[in-house]
Amino acid sequence: MRSDGGSPPHLTPKERHRWQRRRARAERTEDMYQAYLRGMTLAEVGALYGIGRERVRQLFYMEFLPTRQHGWHPPGDPRRDDYLARRS
């Protein structure tokens, strides 16, 4: 999932810069999500990266992670069984 730092050759310098920032944000968000799945709360993940818990939630939503799905709950949440039952 890690990028090599390159960008598509057809982009202008401004587009290339935007593409690289977006890619870096996606990778950072994926790292945050893995920490969240390991049991950290949104607030703890936010503190680790120096942002608020609401911003962490927004990043998860923007990157189309499973948290975007209606009714999703993290591992260990008692409501997760209902979510998994509805998915199968």
N, C-alpha and C. Protein backbone atom coordinates (compact mmCIF):
# COMPACT_ATOMS: atom_id res chain seq x y z
N MET A 1 0.82 -1.19 0.00
CA MET A 1 0.00 0.00 0.00
C MET A 1 0.87 1.26 0.00
N ARG A 2 2.11 1.15 0.37
CA ARG A 2 2.99 2.31 0.40
C ARG A 2 3.33 2.78 -1.01
N SER A 3 3.35 4.09 -1.17
CA SER A 3 3.72 4.62 -2.48
C SER A 3 5.24 4.77 -2.56
N ASP A 4 5.74 4.82 -3.77
CA ASP A 4 7.18 5.01 -3.95
C ASP A 4 7.55 6.48 -3.96
N GLY A 5 6.56 7.35 -3.71
CA GLY A 5 6.82 8.79 -3.68
C GLY A 5 6.69 9.44 -5.03
N GLY A 6 6.53 8.65 -6.07
CA GLY A 6 6.39 9.20 -7.41
C GLY A 6 4.95 9.61 -7.69
N SER A 7 4.76 10.18 -8.85
CA SER A 7 3.41 10.57 -9.26
C SER A 7 3.28 10.34 -10.75
N PRO A 8 2.06 10.29 -11.25
CA PRO A 8 1.87 10.10 -12.69
C PRO A 8 2.60 11.18 -13.49
N PRO A 9 3.24 10.83 -14.60
CA PRO A 9 4.07 11.78 -15.35
C PRO A 9 3.30 12.88 -16.07
N HIS A 10 2.00 12.71 -16.27
CA HIS A 10 1.25 13.69 -17.06
C HIS A 10 0.74 14.88 -16.24
N LEU A 11 1.02 14.92 -14.94
CA LEU A 11 0.50 15.99 -14.09
C LEU A 11 1.38 17.24 -14.14
N THR A 12 0.73 18.39 -13.99
CA THR A 12 1.47 19.65 -13.86
C THR A 12 2.11 19.67 -12.48
N PRO A 13 3.09 20.55 -12.23
CA PRO A 13 3.70 20.60 -10.90
C PRO A 13 2.68 20.81 -9.78
N LYS A 14 1.70 21.67 -10.00
CA LYS A 14 0.69 21.92 -8.97
C LYS A 14 -0.15 20.66 -8.72
N GLU A 15 -0.56 19.98 -9.79
CA GLU A 15 -1.33 18.75 -9.66
C GLU A 15 -0.50 17.65 -8.99
N ARG A 16 0.78 17.59 -9.35
CA ARG A 16 1.67 16.58 -8.77
C ARG A 16 1.79 16.78 -7.26
N HIS A 17 1.95 18.04 -6.84
CA HIS A 17 2.05 18.34 -5.42
C HIS A 17 0.77 17.92 -4.70
N ARG A 18 -0.38 18.24 -5.27
CA ARG A 18 -1.67 17.86 -4.68
C ARG A 18 -1.81 16.34 -4.61
N TRP A 19 -1.40 15.65 -5.66
CA TRP A 19 -1.48 14.20 -5.71
C TRP A 19 -0.62 13.56 -4.62
N GLN A 20 0.61 14.09 -4.45
CA GLN A 20 1.50 13.54 -3.43
C GLN A 20 0.98 13.79 -2.02
N ARG A 21 0.40 14.97 -1.78
CA ARG A 21 -0.19 15.25 -0.47
C ARG A 21 -1.36 14.33 -0.18
N ARG A 22 -2.21 14.13 -1.19
CA ARG A 22 -3.37 13.25 -1.02
C ARG A 22 -2.93 11.82 -0.74
N ARG A 23 -1.89 11.37 -1.45
CA ARG A 23 -1.38 10.01 -1.24
C ARG A 23 -0.79 9.85 0.16
N ALA A 24 -0.05 10.85 0.61
CA ALA A 24 0.53 10.80 1.96
C ALA A 24 -0.58 10.78 3.01
N ARG A 25 -1.63 11.58 2.80
CA ARG A 25 -2.75 11.60 3.75
C ARG A 25 -3.44 10.24 3.79
N ALA A 26 -3.59 9.61 2.63
CA ALA A 26 -4.24 8.30 2.58
C ALA A 26 -3.42 7.26 3.34
N GLU A 27 -2.11 7.30 3.20
CA GLU A 27 -1.25 6.36 3.91
C GLU A 27 -1.29 6.61 5.41
N ARG A 28 -1.26 7.88 5.80
CA ARG A 28 -1.33 8.21 7.23
C ARG A 28 -2.67 7.77 7.81
N THR A 29 -3.74 7.97 7.06
CA THR A 29 -5.06 7.56 7.52
C THR A 29 -5.13 6.05 7.67
N GLU A 30 -4.52 5.32 6.76
CA GLU A 30 -4.50 3.86 6.86
C GLU A 30 -3.76 3.44 8.13
N ASP A 31 -2.65 4.11 8.46
CA ASP A 31 -1.93 3.82 9.70
C ASP A 31 -2.79 4.12 10.92
N MET A 32 -3.52 5.24 10.88
CA MET A 32 -4.43 5.58 11.98
C MET A 32 -5.50 4.51 12.15
N TYR A 33 -6.02 4.05 11.03
CA TYR A 33 -7.08 3.04 11.06
C TYR A 33 -6.57 1.74 11.67
N GLN A 34 -5.34 1.35 11.34
CA GLN A 34 -4.77 0.13 11.92
C GLN A 34 -4.62 0.28 13.44
N ALA A 35 -4.20 1.46 13.89
CA ALA A 35 -4.10 1.71 15.34
C ALA A 35 -5.48 1.62 15.98
N TYR A 36 -6.48 2.14 15.30
CA TYR A 36 -7.86 2.09 15.80
C TYR A 36 -8.35 0.65 15.92
N LEU A 37 -8.04 -0.17 14.92
CA LEU A 37 -8.45 -1.57 14.96
C LEU A 37 -7.73 -2.35 16.05
N ARG A 38 -6.56 -1.88 16.45
CA ARG A 38 -5.82 -2.54 17.52
C ARG A 38 -6.35 -2.18 18.90
N GLY A 39 -7.37 -1.33 18.95
CA GLY A 39 -8.02 -1.05 20.23
C GLY A 39 -7.91 0.37 20.74
N MET A 40 -7.23 1.24 20.03
CA MET A 40 -7.15 2.63 20.47
C MET A 40 -8.47 3.33 20.17
N THR A 41 -8.82 4.31 20.99
CA THR A 41 -10.01 5.10 20.72
C THR A 41 -9.67 6.17 19.68
N LEU A 42 -10.71 6.80 19.14
CA LEU A 42 -10.47 7.89 18.19
C LEU A 42 -9.66 9.00 18.83
N ALA A 43 -9.95 9.29 20.11
CA ALA A 43 -9.21 10.35 20.81
C ALA A 43 -7.73 9.98 20.96
N GLU A 44 -7.45 8.71 21.27
CA GLU A 44 -6.06 8.27 21.42
C GLU A 44 -5.32 8.32 20.08
N VAL A 45 -5.99 7.89 19.03
CA VAL A 45 -5.38 7.94 17.70
C VAL A 45 -5.11 9.40 17.32
N GLY A 46 -6.07 10.27 17.59
CA GLY A 46 -5.89 11.69 17.29
C GLY A 46 -4.73 12.30 18.06
N ALA A 47 -4.61 11.93 19.34
CA ALA A 47 -3.50 12.45 20.15
C ALA A 47 -2.16 11.97 19.61
N LEU A 48 -2.13 10.75 19.13
CA LEU A 48 -0.90 10.18 18.58
C LEU A 48 -0.43 10.97 17.34
N TYR A 49 -1.39 11.45 16.55
CA TYR A 49 -1.07 12.17 15.32
C TYR A 49 -1.23 13.68 15.45
N GLY A 50 -1.58 14.15 16.63
CA GLY A 50 -1.69 15.59 16.85
C GLY A 50 -2.91 16.24 16.24
N ILE A 51 -3.99 15.47 16.11
CA ILE A 51 -5.24 16.03 15.59
C ILE A 51 -6.38 15.61 16.51
N GLY A 52 -7.53 16.21 16.35
CA GLY A 52 -8.68 15.89 17.19
C GLY A 52 -9.37 14.61 16.76
N ARG A 53 -10.18 14.05 17.67
CA ARG A 53 -10.86 12.79 17.36
C ARG A 53 -11.88 12.96 16.24
N GLU A 54 -12.49 14.14 16.17
CA GLU A 54 -13.46 14.38 15.10
C GLU A 54 -12.77 14.39 13.74
N ARG A 55 -11.57 14.95 13.68
CA ARG A 55 -10.81 14.95 12.41
C ARG A 55 -10.42 13.53 12.02
N VAL A 56 -10.08 12.70 13.01
CA VAL A 56 -9.77 11.29 12.71
C VAL A 56 -11.00 10.63 12.09
N ARG A 57 -12.17 10.86 12.67
CA ARG A 57 -13.40 10.28 12.14
C ARG A 57 -13.66 10.76 10.71
N GLN A 58 -13.42 12.05 10.47
CA GLN A 58 -13.61 12.60 9.13
C GLN A 58 -12.65 11.95 8.12
N LEU A 59 -11.40 11.76 8.52
CA LEU A 59 -10.43 11.14 7.62
C LEU A 59 -10.83 9.70 7.30
N PHE A 60 -11.31 8.97 8.30
CA PHE A 60 -11.77 7.60 8.06
C PHE A 60 -12.90 7.62 7.05
N TYR A 61 -13.80 8.59 7.16
CA TYR A 61 -14.94 8.67 6.26
C TYR A 61 -14.49 9.05 4.84
N MET A 62 -13.57 10.01 4.77
CA MET A 62 -13.11 10.50 3.46
C MET A 62 -12.35 9.43 2.68
N GLU A 63 -11.65 8.54 3.37
CA GLU A 63 -10.83 7.54 2.68
C GLU A 63 -11.58 6.25 2.37
N PHE A 64 -12.90 6.25 2.54
CA PHE A 64 -13.74 5.10 2.21
C PHE A 64 -13.33 3.84 2.96
N LEU A 65 -12.97 3.99 4.23
CA LEU A 65 -12.66 2.84 5.06
C LEU A 65 -13.97 2.19 5.53
N PRO A 66 -13.92 0.98 6.08
CA PRO A 66 -15.16 0.31 6.51
C PRO A 66 -15.97 1.11 7.53
N THR A 67 -15.35 2.04 8.24
CA THR A 67 -16.08 2.84 9.21
C THR A 67 -17.13 3.70 8.53
N ARG A 68 -17.06 3.85 7.23
CA ARG A 68 -18.02 4.66 6.50
C ARG A 68 -19.37 3.95 6.39
N GLN A 69 -19.40 2.64 6.55
CA GLN A 69 -20.63 1.88 6.39
C GLN A 69 -21.56 2.12 7.57
N HIS A 70 -22.84 2.21 7.27
CA HIS A 70 -23.85 2.46 8.30
C HIS A 70 -23.87 1.32 9.32
N GLY A 71 -23.82 1.67 10.58
CA GLY A 71 -23.90 0.67 11.63
C GLY A 71 -22.59 0.01 11.99
N TRP A 72 -21.47 0.46 11.40
CA TRP A 72 -20.18 -0.16 11.69
C TRP A 72 -19.77 0.13 13.13
N HIS A 73 -19.19 -0.87 13.80
CA HIS A 73 -18.67 -0.70 15.16
C HIS A 73 -17.30 -1.35 15.24
N PRO A 74 -16.41 -0.80 16.06
CA PRO A 74 -15.05 -1.34 16.15
C PRO A 74 -15.03 -2.71 16.81
N PRO A 75 -13.95 -3.48 16.61
CA PRO A 75 -13.82 -4.77 17.29
C PRO A 75 -13.91 -4.57 18.80
N GLY A 76 -14.58 -5.50 19.46
CA GLY A 76 -14.74 -5.41 20.91
C GLY A 76 -16.00 -4.68 21.33
N ASP A 77 -16.65 -4.01 20.42
CA ASP A 77 -17.90 -3.31 20.74
C ASP A 77 -19.03 -4.34 20.77
N PRO A 78 -19.87 -4.32 21.82
CA PRO A 78 -20.95 -5.32 21.90
C PRO A 78 -21.93 -5.26 20.73
N ARG A 79 -22.05 -4.12 20.09
CA ARG A 79 -22.97 -4.00 18.96
C ARG A 79 -22.39 -4.55 17.66
N ARG A 80 -21.11 -4.91 17.66
CA ARG A 80 -20.46 -5.39 16.44
C ARG A 80 -21.08 -6.69 15.93
N ASP A 81 -21.52 -7.57 16.83
CA ASP A 81 -22.13 -8.83 16.40
C ASP A 81 -23.36 -8.59 15.54
N ASP A 82 -24.17 -7.60 15.92
CA ASP A 82 -25.35 -7.27 15.11
C ASP A 82 -24.92 -6.80 13.72
N TYR A 83 -23.88 -5.97 13.69
CA TYR A 83 -23.39 -5.46 12.41
C TYR A 83 -22.91 -6.60 11.52
N LEU A 84 -22.13 -7.53 12.09
CA LEU A 84 -21.60 -8.64 11.31
C LEU A 84 -22.72 -9.58 10.86
N ALA A 85 -23.74 -9.77 11.69
CA ALA A 85 -24.86 -10.63 11.32
C ALA A 85 -25.62 -10.05 10.13
N ARG A 86 -25.78 -8.74 10.10
CA ARG A 86 -26.48 -8.10 8.98
C ARG A 86 -25.67 -8.17 7.69
N ARG A 87 -24.33 -8.21 7.81
CA ARG A 87 -23.47 -8.22 6.63
C ARG A 87 -23.44 -9.59 5.95
N SER A 88 -23.75 -10.67 6.69
CA SER A 88 -23.64 -12.01 6.09
C SER A 88 -24.95 -12.54 5.59
